[in-house]
Amino acid sequence: MGIKPTYIKAIGSDLLKDHIEHFSGDFEQNKVAVAKTTNIVSKRVRNRVAGYITRKINTKRIS
């Protein structure tokens, strides 16, 4: 069973809405910020959320 994309998008959108000042266009920094602002234990989920946030910031589609 995999990680559903809607789960990743929901977490990423909530983090951007509440903690946008912690995130940037750099994936490595976003990994650390996701780990600090959430209680996600799984490295795979953390990386997918950080990648989603990085992609959203770099394409300027923050809603």
Protein backbone atom coordinates (compact mmCIF):
# COMPACT_ATOMS: atom_id res chain seq x y z
CA MET A 1 0.00 0.00 0.00
CA GLY A 2 1.46 3.33 -1.07
CA ILE A 3 1.15 6.89 0.06
CA LYS A 4 -1.83 8.62 -1.50
CA PRO A 5 -1.04 11.86 -3.35
CA THR A 6 -4.07 13.54 -1.77
CA TYR A 7 -2.57 12.89 1.67
CA ILE A 8 0.74 14.50 0.62
CA LYS A 9 -1.03 17.49 -0.94
CA ALA A 10 -3.25 18.00 2.10
CA ILE A 11 -0.30 18.03 4.51
CA GLY A 12 1.77 20.25 2.21
CA SER A 13 -1.04 22.75 1.67
CA ASP A 14 -1.75 22.98 5.40
CA LEU A 15 1.93 23.54 6.16
CA LEU A 16 2.21 26.26 3.53
CA LYS A 17 -0.90 27.94 4.87
CA ASP A 18 0.26 27.92 8.50
CA HIS A 19 4.08 28.01 8.32
CA ILE A 20 5.07 29.53 4.97
CA GLU A 21 7.92 31.50 6.59
CA HIS A 22 9.74 28.22 7.36
CA PHE A 23 9.91 27.05 3.73
CA SER A 24 11.98 28.03 0.71
CA GLY A 25 12.72 26.78 -2.79
CA ASP A 26 15.44 24.42 -1.49
CA PHE A 27 14.47 20.79 -0.95
CA GLU A 28 17.11 20.10 1.71
CA GLN A 29 15.97 23.03 3.86
CA ASN A 30 12.34 22.01 3.41
CA LYS A 31 13.08 18.49 4.67
CA VAL A 32 14.38 19.95 7.91
CA ALA A 33 11.46 22.38 8.18
CA VAL A 34 8.89 19.60 7.64
CA ALA A 35 10.58 17.51 10.33
CA LYS A 36 10.48 20.44 12.78
CA THR A 37 6.90 21.56 12.10
CA THR A 38 5.24 18.12 11.99
CA ASN A 39 5.42 14.81 13.77
CA ILE A 40 5.93 12.75 10.59
CA VAL A 41 8.12 9.78 11.48
CA SER A 42 8.43 8.22 8.03
CA LYS A 43 11.37 9.51 6.00
CA ARG A 44 9.56 8.72 2.75
CA VAL A 45 6.47 10.73 3.67
CA ARG A 46 8.61 13.62 4.95
CA ASN A 47 10.57 13.73 1.70
CA ARG A 48 7.44 13.61 -0.44
CA VAL A 49 5.85 16.46 1.52
CA ALA A 50 9.06 18.49 1.28
CA GLY A 51 9.23 17.84 -2.46
CA TYR A 52 5.63 18.91 -2.92
CA ILE A 53 6.24 22.14 -0.99
CA THR A 54 9.43 22.84 -2.94
CA ARG A 55 7.60 22.32 -6.22
CA LYS A 56 4.76 24.64 -5.15
CA ILE A 57 7.16 27.41 -4.09
CA ASN A 58 9.35 27.14 -7.19
CA THR A 59 6.38 27.33 -9.54
CA LYS A 60 4.77 30.22 -7.57
CA ARG A 61 1.41 28.44 -7.30
CA ILE A 62 0.87 29.08 -3.62
CA SER A 63 -2.83 29.38 -2.93
